[in-house]
Amino acid sequence: MNRRQARRARALDRLSSTANAILSPHAEHRAAELGFSRDEVLQCVARPEQTYCSPRRYGPDRRVYQRGPVAIVLHEGSRTVITVLLRTPREWTHDIDSR
């Protein structure tokens, strides 16, 4: 491993530690599908711009975190990122688009 790769690995380890979260296989697949890096997803957990309770369809004890174009659903108890979403500017109230 060269120096650059080693620095990147250490930075990702620090970010994972700060975020105190892991990604589910589905979340990793969705992040790749949407073009988000693991860093962007973990930054969303570590330093969110906004958080709120998730809609019921994601299950109990889950919260939505948003940062930049990334939105994630996090299971609070296990600190597992359930899925990765594209953040949209729509305003939702009680599962209804209220634009």
PDB file of N, CA and C in Angstrom:
ATOM      1  N   MET A   1       0.852  -1.174   0.000  1.00  0.00           N
ATOM      2  CA  MET A   1       0.000   0.000   0.000  1.00  0.00           C
ATOM      3  C   MET A   1       0.899   1.239   0.000  1.00  0.00           C
ATOM      4  N   ASN A   2       0.643   2.156  -0.928  1.00  0.00           N
ATOM      5  CA  ASN A   2       1.457   3.367  -0.971  1.00  0.00           C
ATOM      6  C   ASN A   2       0.977   4.371   0.079  1.00  0.00           C
ATOM      7  N   ARG A   3       1.706   5.461   0.219  1.00  0.00           N
ATOM      8  CA  ARG A   3       1.389   6.448   1.269  1.00  0.00           C
ATOM      9  C   ARG A   3       0.007   7.071   1.096  1.00  0.00           C
ATOM     10  N   ARG A   4      -0.326   7.357  -0.138  1.00  0.00           N
ATOM     11  CA  ARG A   4      -1.629   7.992  -0.388  1.00  0.00           C
ATOM     12  C   ARG A   4      -2.775   7.062   0.018  1.00  0.00           C
ATOM     13  N   GLN A   5      -2.671   5.803  -0.344  1.00  0.00           N
ATOM     14  CA  GLN A   5      -3.703   4.829   0.022  1.00  0.00           C
ATOM     15  C   GLN A   5      -3.768   4.646   1.534  1.00  0.00           C
ATOM     16  N   ALA A   6      -2.610   4.654   2.178  1.00  0.00           N
ATOM     17  CA  ALA A   6      -2.561   4.501   3.636  1.00  0.00           C
ATOM     18  C   ALA A   6      -3.224   5.692   4.327  1.00  0.00           C
ATOM     19  N   ARG A   7      -2.946   6.925   3.845  1.00  0.00           N
ATOM     20  CA  ARG A   7      -3.579   8.120   4.408  1.00  0.00           C
ATOM     21  C   ARG A   7      -5.086   8.068   4.225  1.00  0.00           C
ATOM     22  N   ARG A   8      -5.508   7.657   3.039  1.00  0.00           N
ATOM     23  CA  ARG A   8      -6.948   7.563   2.755  1.00  0.00           C
ATOM     24  C   ARG A   8      -7.611   6.529   3.669  1.00  0.00           C
ATOM     25  N   ALA A   9      -6.955   5.406   3.866  1.00  0.00           N
ATOM     26  CA  ALA A   9      -7.508   4.359   4.744  1.00  0.00           C
ATOM     27  C   ALA A   9      -7.616   4.868   6.185  1.00  0.00           C
ATOM     28  N   ARG A  10      -6.591   5.593   6.658  1.00  0.00           N
ATOM     29  CA  ARG A  10      -6.636   6.147   8.018  1.00  0.00           C
ATOM     30  C   ARG A  10      -7.738   7.189   8.154  1.00  0.00           C
ATOM     31  N   ALA A  11      -7.903   8.028   7.129  1.00  0.00           N
ATOM     32  CA  ALA A  11      -8.958   9.054   7.153  1.00  0.00           C
ATOM     33  C   ALA A  11     -10.336   8.400   7.172  1.00  0.00           C
ATOM     34  N   LEU A  12     -10.520   7.343   6.400  1.00  0.00           N
ATOM     35  CA  LEU A  12     -11.806   6.644   6.384  1.00  0.00           C
ATOM     36  C   LEU A  12     -12.066   5.971   7.734  1.00  0.00           C
ATOM     37  N   ASP A  13     -11.032   5.433   8.362  1.00  0.00           N
ATOM     38  CA  ASP A  13     -11.172   4.837   9.702  1.00  0.00           C
ATOM     39  C   ASP A  13     -11.585   5.899  10.725  1.00  0.00           C
ATOM     40  N   ARG A  14     -10.957   7.083  10.663  1.00  0.00           N
ATOM     41  CA  ARG A  14     -11.323   8.173  11.586  1.00  0.00           C
ATOM     42  C   ARG A  14     -12.761   8.602  11.366  1.00  0.00           C
ATOM     43  N   LEU A  15     -13.170   8.727  10.113  1.00  0.00           N
ATOM     44  CA  LEU A  15     -14.531   9.136   9.800  1.00  0.00           C
ATOM     45  C   LEU A  15     -15.528   8.072  10.273  1.00  0.00           C
ATOM     46  N   SER A  16     -15.215   6.808  10.073  1.00  0.00           N
ATOM     47  CA  SER A  16     -16.094   5.727  10.545  1.00  0.00           C
ATOM     48  C   SER A  16     -16.230   5.777  12.056  1.00  0.00           C
ATOM     49  N   SER A  17     -15.135   6.069  12.737  1.00  0.00           N
ATOM     50  CA  SER A  17     -15.159   6.167  14.191  1.00  0.00           C
ATOM     51  C   SER A  17     -15.994   7.367  14.646  1.00  0.00           C
ATOM     52  N   THR A  18     -15.843   8.496  13.976  1.00  0.00           N
ATOM     53  CA  THR A  18     -16.600   9.701  14.308  1.00  0.00           C
ATOM     54  C   THR A  18     -18.100   9.490  14.069  1.00  0.00           C
ATOM     55  N   ALA A  19     -18.436   8.879  12.948  1.00  0.00           N
ATOM     56  CA  ALA A  19     -19.839   8.646  12.602  1.00  0.00           C
ATOM     57  C   ALA A  19     -20.442   7.554  13.481  1.00  0.00           C
ATOM     58  N   ASN A  20     -19.603   6.645  13.959  1.00  0.00           N
ATOM     59  CA  ASN A  20     -20.070   5.534  14.789  1.00  0.00           C
ATOM     60  C   ASN A  20     -21.230   4.814  14.114  1.00  0.00           C
ATOM     61  N   ALA A  21     -21.038   4.479  12.823  1.00  0.00           N
ATOM     62  CA  ALA A  21     -22.090   3.823  12.052  1.00  0.00           C
ATOM     63  C   ALA A  21     -21.468   2.862  11.048  1.00  0.00           C
ATOM     64  N   ILE A  22     -22.258   1.856  10.681  1.00  0.00           N
ATOM     65  CA  ILE A  22     -21.852   0.927   9.636  1.00  0.00           C
ATOM     66  C   ILE A  22     -22.895   0.970   8.528  1.00  0.00           C
ATOM     67  N   LEU A  23     -22.511   0.570   7.342  1.00  0.00           N
ATOM     68  CA  LEU A  23     -23.423   0.548   6.206  1.00  0.00           C
ATOM     69  C   LEU A  23     -23.909  -0.871   5.961  1.00  0.00           C
ATOM     70  N   SER A  24     -25.195  -1.026   5.771  1.00  0.00           N
ATOM     71  CA  SER A  24     -25.741  -2.327   5.398  1.00  0.00           C
ATOM     72  C   SER A  24     -25.336  -2.604   3.945  1.00  0.00           C
ATOM     73  N   PRO A  25     -25.367  -3.865   3.523  1.00  0.00           N
ATOM     74  CA  PRO A  25     -25.060  -4.157   2.114  1.00  0.00           C
ATOM     75  C   PRO A  25     -25.975  -3.391   1.149  1.00  0.00           C
ATOM     76  N   HIS A  26     -27.251  -3.252   1.520  1.00  0.00           N
ATOM     77  CA  HIS A  26     -28.177  -2.501   0.675  1.00  0.00           C
ATOM     78  C   HIS A  26     -27.739  -1.036   0.574  1.00  0.00           C
ATOM     79  N   ALA A  27     -27.323  -0.442   1.696  1.00  0.00           N
ATOM     80  CA  ALA A  27     -26.888   0.961   1.697  1.00  0.00           C
ATOM     81  C   ALA A  27     -25.640   1.140   0.833  1.00  0.00           C
ATOM     82  N   GLU A  28     -24.707   0.208   0.908  1.00  0.00           N
ATOM     83  CA  GLU A  28     -23.507   0.299   0.069  1.00  0.00           C
ATOM     84  C   GLU A  28     -23.878   0.222  -1.405  1.00  0.00           C
ATOM     85  N   HIS A  29     -24.813  -0.670  -1.742  1.00  0.00           N
ATOM     86  CA  HIS A  29     -25.258  -0.808  -3.129  1.00  0.00           C
ATOM     87  C   HIS A  29     -25.950   0.475  -3.605  1.00  0.00           C
ATOM     88  N   ARG A  30     -26.845   1.034  -2.776  1.00  0.00           N
ATOM     89  CA  ARG A  30     -27.555   2.261  -3.140  1.00  0.00           C
ATOM     90  C   ARG A  30     -26.607   3.448  -3.284  1.00  0.00           C
ATOM     91  N   ALA A  31     -25.607   3.538  -2.403  1.00  0.00           N
ATOM     92  CA  ALA A  31     -24.634   4.631  -2.498  1.00  0.00           C
ATOM     93  C   ALA A  31     -23.899   4.562  -3.832  1.00  0.00           C
ATOM     94  N   ALA A  32     -23.449   3.371  -4.186  1.00  0.00           N
ATOM     95  CA  ALA A  32     -22.751   3.197  -5.463  1.00  0.00           C
ATOM     96  C   ALA A  32     -23.681   3.510  -6.639  1.00  0.00           C
ATOM     97  N   GLU A  33     -24.912   3.058  -6.541  1.00  0.00           N
ATOM     98  CA  GLU A  33     -25.902   3.278  -7.588  1.00  0.00           C
ATOM     99  C   GLU A  33     -26.177   4.767  -7.807  1.00  0.00           C
ATOM    100  N   LEU A  34     -26.208   5.535  -6.712  1.00  0.00           N
ATOM    101  CA  LEU A  34     -26.472   6.971  -6.795  1.00  0.00           C
ATOM    102  C   LEU A  34     -25.205   7.801  -7.009  1.00  0.00           C
ATOM    103  N   GLY A  35     -24.041   7.153  -6.982  1.00  0.00           N
ATOM    104  CA  GLY A  35     -22.782   7.852  -7.228  1.00  0.00           C
ATOM    105  C   GLY A  35     -22.184   8.519  -6.008  1.00  0.00           C
ATOM    106  N   PHE A  36     -22.588   8.091  -4.801  1.00  0.00           N
ATOM    107  CA  PHE A  36     -22.032   8.650  -3.569  1.00  0.00           C
ATOM    108  C   PHE A  36     -20.932   7.748  -3.041  1.00  0.00           C
ATOM    109  N   SER A  37     -19.871   8.356  -2.547  1.00  0.00           N
ATOM    110  CA  SER A  37     -18.783   7.580  -1.953  1.00  0.00           C
ATOM    111  C   SER A  37     -19.134   7.214  -0.516  1.00  0.00           C
ATOM    112  N   ARG A  38     -18.404   6.265   0.020  1.00  0.00           N
ATOM    113  CA  ARG A  38     -18.578   5.871   1.421  1.00  0.00           C
ATOM    114  C   ARG A  38     -18.314   7.075   2.333  1.00  0.00           C
ATOM    115  N   ASP A  39     -17.328   7.902   1.941  1.00  0.00           N
ATOM    116  CA  ASP A  39     -17.017   9.117   2.697  1.00  0.00           C
ATOM    117  C   ASP A  39     -18.235  10.037   2.795  1.00  0.00           C
ATOM    118  N   GLU A  40     -18.917  10.265   1.687  1.00  0.00           N
ATOM    119  CA  GLU A  40     -20.074  11.160   1.682  1.00  0.00           C
ATOM    120  C   GLU A  40     -21.189  10.635   2.583  1.00  0.00           C
ATOM    121  N   VAL A  41     -21.395   9.324   2.556  1.00  0.00           N
ATOM    122  CA  VAL A  41     -22.437   8.731   3.391  1.00  0.00           C
ATOM    123  C   VAL A  41     -22.071   8.871   4.865  1.00  0.00           C
ATOM    124  N   LEU A  42     -20.832   8.580   5.221  1.00  0.00           N
ATOM    125  CA  LEU A  42     -20.410   8.690   6.619  1.00  0.00           C
ATOM    126  C   LEU A  42     -20.377  10.147   7.089  1.00  0.00           C
ATOM    127  N   GLN A  43     -20.038  11.081   6.196  1.00  0.00           N
ATOM    128  CA  GLN A  43     -20.090  12.510   6.537  1.00  0.00           C
ATOM    129  C   GLN A  43     -21.524  12.918   6.870  1.00  0.00           C
ATOM    130  N   CYS A  44     -22.472  12.350   6.134  1.00  0.00           N
ATOM    131  CA  CYS A  44     -23.881  12.647   6.381  1.00  0.00           C
ATOM    132  C   CYS A  44     -24.276  12.227   7.795  1.00  0.00           C
ATOM    133  N   VAL A  45     -23.757  11.102   8.259  1.00  0.00           N
ATOM    134  CA  VAL A  45     -24.066  10.631   9.614  1.00  0.00           C
ATOM    135  C   VAL A  45     -23.302  11.450  10.660  1.00  0.00           C
ATOM    136  N   ALA A  46     -22.030  11.715  10.390  1.00  0.00           N
ATOM    137  CA  ALA A  46     -21.180  12.406  11.364  1.00  0.00           C
ATOM    138  C   ALA A  46     -21.530  13.885  11.519  1.00  0.00           C
ATOM    139  N   ARG A  47     -21.866  14.540  10.423  1.00  0.00           N
ATOM    140  CA  ARG A  47     -22.138  15.986  10.448  1.00  0.00           C
ATOM    141  C   ARG A  47     -23.379  16.328   9.631  1.00  0.00           C
ATOM    142  N   PRO A  48     -24.546  15.895  10.069  1.00  0.00           N
ATOM    143  CA  PRO A  48     -25.758  16.161   9.281  1.00  0.00           C
ATOM    144  C   PRO A  48     -26.144  17.634   9.311  1.00  0.00           C
ATOM    145  N   GLU A  49     -26.757  18.080   8.225  1.00  0.00           N
ATOM    146  CA  GLU A  49     -27.321  19.427   8.195  1.00  0.00           C
ATOM    147  C   GLU A  49     -28.718  19.420   8.808  1.00  0.00           C
ATOM    148  N   GLN A  50     -29.385  18.267   8.690  1.00  0.00           N
ATOM    149  CA  GLN A  50     -30.749  18.152   9.189  1.00  0.00           C
ATOM    150  C   GLN A  50     -31.031  16.690   9.517  1.00  0.00           C
ATOM    151  N   THR A  51     -31.809  16.455  10.577  1.00  0.00           N
ATOM    152  CA  THR A  51     -32.281  15.110  10.905  1.00  0.00           C
ATOM    153  C   THR A  51     -33.752  15.185  11.287  1.00  0.00           C
ATOM    154  N   TYR A  52     -34.460  14.112  11.052  1.00  0.00           N
ATOM    155  CA  TYR A  52     -35.864  14.030  11.468  1.00  0.00           C
ATOM    156  C   TYR A  52     -36.282  12.565  11.526  1.00  0.00           C
ATOM    157  N   CYS A  53     -37.377  12.290  12.215  1.00  0.00           N
ATOM    158  CA  CYS A  53     -37.900  10.924  12.327  1.00  0.00           C
ATOM    159  C   CYS A  53     -38.299  10.438  10.938  1.00  0.00           C
ATOM    160  N   SER A  54     -37.973   9.196  10.654  1.00  0.00           N
ATOM    161  CA  SER A  54     -38.266   8.668   9.321  1.00  0.00           C
ATOM    162  C   SER A  54     -39.733   8.270   9.192  1.00  0.00           C
ATOM    163  N   PRO A  55     -40.221   8.201   7.962  1.00  0.00           N
ATOM    164  CA  PRO A  55     -41.587   7.718   7.746  1.00  0.00           C
ATOM    165  C   PRO A  55     -41.722   6.278   8.250  1.00  0.00           C
ATOM    166  N   ARG A  56     -42.918   5.887   8.589  1.00  0.00           N
ATOM    167  CA  ARG A  56     -43.169   4.561   9.158  1.00  0.00           C
ATOM    168  C   ARG A  56     -42.708   3.420   8.266  1.00  0.00           C
ATOM    169  N   ARG A  57     -42.706   3.623   6.969  1.00  0.00           N
ATOM    170  CA  ARG A  57     -42.355   2.527   6.051  1.00  0.00           C
ATOM    171  C   ARG A  57     -40.922   2.028   6.248  1.00  0.00           C
ATOM    172  N   TYR A  58     -40.066   2.830   6.872  1.00  0.00           N
ATOM    173  CA  TYR A  58     -38.690   2.401   7.129  1.00  0.00           C
ATOM    174  C   TYR A  58     -38.551   1.640   8.440  1.00  0.00           C
ATOM    175  N   GLY A  59     -39.603   1.546   9.214  1.00  0.00           N
ATOM    176  CA  GLY A  59     -39.582   0.779  10.449  1.00  0.00           C
ATOM    177  C   GLY A  59     -39.345   1.655  11.670  1.00  0.00           C
ATOM    178  N   PRO A  60     -39.421   1.020  12.859  1.00  0.00           N
ATOM    179  CA  PRO A  60     -39.252   1.773  14.103  1.00  0.00           C
ATOM    180  C   PRO A  60     -37.787   2.110  14.393  1.00  0.00           C
ATOM    181  N   ASP A  61     -37.578   3.116  15.237  1.00  0.00           N
ATOM    182  CA  ASP A  61     -36.241   3.503  15.697  1.00  0.00           C
ATOM    183  C   ASP A  61     -35.313   3.903  14.553  1.00  0.00           C
ATOM    184  N   ARG A  62     -35.877   4.586  13.557  1.00  0.00           N
ATOM    185  CA  ARG A  62     -35.076   5.023  12.424  1.00  0.00           C
ATOM    186  C   ARG A  62     -35.204   6.535  12.258  1.00  0.00           C
ATOM    187  N   ARG A  63     -34.127   7.130  11.782  1.00  0.00           N
ATOM    188  CA  ARG A  63     -34.075   8.581  11.623  1.00  0.00           C
ATOM    189  C   ARG A  63     -33.440   8.896  10.270  1.00  0.00           C
ATOM    190  N   VAL A  64     -33.897   9.946   9.625  1.00  0.00           N
ATOM    191  CA  VAL A  64     -33.338  10.392   8.349  1.00  0.00           C
ATOM    192  C   VAL A  64     -32.312  11.482   8.632  1.00  0.00           C
ATOM    193  N   TYR A  65     -31.131  11.336   8.052  1.00  0.00           N
ATOM    194  CA  TYR A  65     -30.066  12.334   8.145  1.00  0.00           C
ATOM    195  C   TYR A  65     -29.855  12.890   6.744  1.00  0.00           C
ATOM    196  N   GLN A  66     -29.629  14.205   6.655  1.00  0.00           N
ATOM    197  CA  GLN A  66     -29.400  14.838   5.364  1.00  0.00           C
ATOM    198  C   GLN A  66     -28.172  15.733   5.414  1.00  0.00           C
ATOM    199  N   ARG A  67     -27.407  15.680   4.338  1.00  0.00           N
ATOM    200  CA  ARG A  67     -26.231  16.547   4.184  1.00  0.00           C
ATOM    201  C   ARG A  67     -25.969  16.683   2.693  1.00  0.00           C
ATOM    202  N   GLY A  68     -25.993  17.914   2.215  1.00  0.00           N
ATOM    203  CA  GLY A  68     -25.788  18.142   0.783  1.00  0.00           C
ATOM    204  C   GLY A  68     -26.813  17.365  -0.017  1.00  0.00           C
ATOM    205  N   PRO A  69     -26.362  16.641  -1.058  1.00  0.00           N
ATOM    206  CA  PRO A  69     -27.309  15.879  -1.882  1.00  0.00           C
ATOM    207  C   PRO A  69     -27.644  14.495  -1.313  1.00  0.00           C
ATOM    208  N   VAL A  70     -27.048  14.149  -0.174  1.00  0.00           N
ATOM    209  CA  VAL A  70     -27.214  12.812   0.405  1.00  0.00           C
ATOM    210  C   VAL A  70     -28.252  12.816   1.518  1.00  0.00           C
ATOM    211  N   ALA A  71     -29.089  11.789   1.516  1.00  0.00           N
ATOM    212  CA  ALA A  71     -30.011  11.531   2.628  1.00  0.00           C
ATOM    213  C   ALA A  71     -29.868  10.052   2.960  1.00  0.00           C
ATOM    214  N   ILE A  72     -29.846   9.731   4.237  1.00  0.00           N
ATOM    215  CA  ILE A  72     -29.733   8.333   4.646  1.00  0.00           C
ATOM    216  C   ILE A  72     -30.769   8.043   5.724  1.00  0.00           C
ATOM    217  N   VAL A  73     -31.125   6.769   5.825  1.00  0.00           N
ATOM    218  CA  VAL A  73     -31.987   6.314   6.910  1.00  0.00           C
ATOM    219  C   VAL A  73     -31.111   5.478   7.828  1.00  0.00           C
ATOM    220  N   LEU A  74     -31.050   5.892   9.099  1.00  0.00           N
ATOM    221  CA  LEU A  74     -30.179   5.246  10.079  1.00  0.00           C
ATOM    222  C   LEU A  74     -31.018   4.571  11.152  1.00  0.00           C
ATOM    223  N   HIS A  75     -30.710   3.305  11.435  1.00  0.00           N
ATOM    224  CA  HIS A  75     -31.328   2.619  12.571  1.00  0.00           C
ATOM    225  C   HIS A  75     -30.547   3.071  13.794  1.00  0.00           C
ATOM    226  N   GLU A  76     -31.206   3.827  14.660  1.00  0.00           N
ATOM    227  CA  GLU A  76     -30.536   4.450  15.804  1.00  0.00           C
ATOM    228  C   GLU A  76     -29.947   3.431  16.785  1.00  0.00           C
ATOM    229  N   GLY A  77     -30.665   2.341  17.033  1.00  0.00           N
ATOM    230  CA  GLY A  77     -30.205   1.359  18.018  1.00  0.00           C
ATOM    231  C   GLY A  77     -28.899   0.679  17.633  1.00  0.00           C
ATOM    232  N   SER A  78     -28.812   0.226  16.393  1.00  0.00           N
ATOM    233  CA  SER A  78     -27.615  -0.492  15.945  1.00  0.00           C
ATOM    234  C   SER A  78     -26.633   0.404  15.205  1.00  0.00           C
ATOM    235  N   ARG A  79     -27.016   1.670  14.967  1.00  0.00           N
ATOM    236  CA  ARG A  79     -26.182   2.625  14.223  1.00  0.00           C
ATOM    237  C   ARG A  79     -25.830   2.075  12.834  1.00  0.00           C
ATOM    238  N   THR A  80     -26.840   1.475  12.190  1.00  0.00           N
ATOM    239  CA  THR A  80     -26.663   0.917  10.849  1.00  0.00           C
ATOM    240  C   THR A  80     -27.393   1.788   9.833  1.00  0.00           C
ATOM    241  N   VAL A  81     -26.680   2.167   8.772  1.00  0.00           N
ATOM    242  CA  VAL A  81     -27.302   2.901   7.677  1.00  0.00           C
ATOM    243  C   VAL A  81     -28.120   1.886   6.883  1.00  0.00           C
ATOM    244  N   ILE A  82     -29.438   2.073   6.858  1.00  0.00           N
ATOM    245  CA  ILE A  82     -30.348   1.135   6.216  1.00  0.00           C
ATOM    246  C   ILE A  82     -30.371   1.342   4.706  1.00  0.00           C
ATOM    247  N   THR A  83     -30.482   2.603   4.286  1.00  0.00           N
ATOM    248  CA  THR A  83     -30.513   2.902   2.854  1.00  0.00           C
ATOM    249  C   THR A  83     -29.954   4.299   2.609  1.00  0.00           C
ATOM    250  N   VAL A  84     -29.587   4.550   1.382  1.00  0.00           N
ATOM    251  CA  VAL A  84     -29.081   5.852   0.952  1.00  0.00           C
ATOM    252  C   VAL A  84     -30.048   6.388  -0.089  1.00  0.00           C
ATOM    253  N   LEU A  85     -30.410   7.651   0.060  1.00  0.00           N
ATOM    254  CA  LEU A  85     -31.387   8.281  -0.825  1.00  0.00           C
ATOM    255  C   LEU A  85     -30.813   9.561  -1.411  1.00  0.00           C
ATOM    256  N   LEU A  86     -31.412  10.014  -2.484  1.00  0.00           N
ATOM    257  CA  LEU A  86     -31.064  11.306  -3.062  1.00  0.00           C
ATOM    258  C   LEU A  86     -31.910  12.347  -2.352  1.00  0.00           C
ATOM    259  N   ARG A  87     -31.270  13.341  -1.761  1.00  0.00           N
ATOM    260  CA  ARG A  87     -32.011  14.389  -1.041  1.00  0.00           C
ATOM    261  C   ARG A  87     -32.785  15.229  -2.039  1.00  0.00           C
ATOM    262  N   THR A  88     -34.055  15.457  -1.732  1.00  0.00           N
ATOM    263  CA  THR A  88     -34.897  16.263  -2.613  1.00  0.00           C
ATOM    264  C   THR A  88     -35.384  17.493  -1.867  1.00  0.00           C
ATOM    265  N   PRO A  89     -35.699  18.560  -2.585  1.00  0.00           N
ATOM    266  CA  PRO A  89     -36.158  19.784  -1.927  1.00  0.00           C
ATOM    267  C   PRO A  89     -37.635  19.761  -1.557  1.00  0.00           C
ATOM    268  N   ARG A  90     -38.320  18.651  -1.778  1.00  0.00           N
ATOM    269  CA  ARG A  90     -39.740  18.577  -1.453  1.00  0.00           C
ATOM    270  C   ARG A  90     -39.964  18.629   0.041  1.00  0.00           C
ATOM    271  N   GLU A  91     -41.105  19.167   0.423  1.00  0.00           N
ATOM    272  CA  GLU A  91     -41.471  19.202   1.828  1.00  0.00           C
ATOM    273  C   GLU A  91     -42.546  18.157   2.060  1.00  0.00           C
ATOM    274  N   TRP A  92     -42.297  17.270   3.020  1.00  0.00           N
ATOM    275  CA  TRP A  92     -43.223  16.183   3.309  1.00  0.00           C
ATOM    276  C   TRP A  92     -43.803  16.377   4.698  1.00  0.00           C
ATOM    277  N   THR A  93     -45.101  16.161   4.808  1.00  0.00           N
ATOM    278  CA  THR A  93     -45.776  16.235   6.102  1.00  0.00           C
ATOM    279  C   THR A  93     -46.674  15.016   6.235  1.00  0.00           C
ATOM    280  N   HIS A  94     -46.395  14.197   7.222  1.00  0.00           N
ATOM    281  CA  HIS A  94     -47.208  12.998   7.466  1.00  0.00           C
ATOM    282  C   HIS A  94     -47.358  12.155   6.208  1.00  0.00           C
ATOM    283  N   ASP A  95     -46.226  11.875   5.542  1.00  0.00           N
ATOM    284  CA  ASP A  95     -46.167  11.044   4.341  1.00  0.00           C
ATOM    285  C   ASP A  95     -46.934  11.629   3.149  1.00  0.00           C
ATOM    286  N   ILE A  96     -47.199  12.939   3.143  1.00  0.00           N
ATOM    287  CA  ILE A  96     -47.892  13.586   2.030  1.00  0.00           C
ATOM    288  C   ILE A  96     -47.016  14.726   1.515  1.00  0.00           C
ATOM    289  N   ASP A  97     -46.822  14.761   0.202  1.00  0.00           N
ATOM    290  CA  ASP A  97     -46.053  15.844  -0.413  1.00  0.00           C
ATOM    291  C   ASP A  97     -46.869  17.122  -0.296  1.00  0.00           C
ATOM    292  N   SER A  98     -46.348  18.105   0.450  1.00  0.00           N
ATOM    293  CA  SER A  98     -47.125  19.328   0.718  1.00  0.00           C
ATOM    294  C   SER A  98     -46.642  20.540  -0.073  1.00  0.00           C
ATOM    295  N   ARG A  99     -46.016  20.313  -1.216  1.00  0.00           N
ATOM    296  CA  ARG A  99     -45.577  21.447  -2.027  1.00  0.00           C
ATOM    297  C   ARG A  99     -46.735  22.225  -2.574  1.00  0.00           C
TER     298      ARG A  99
END
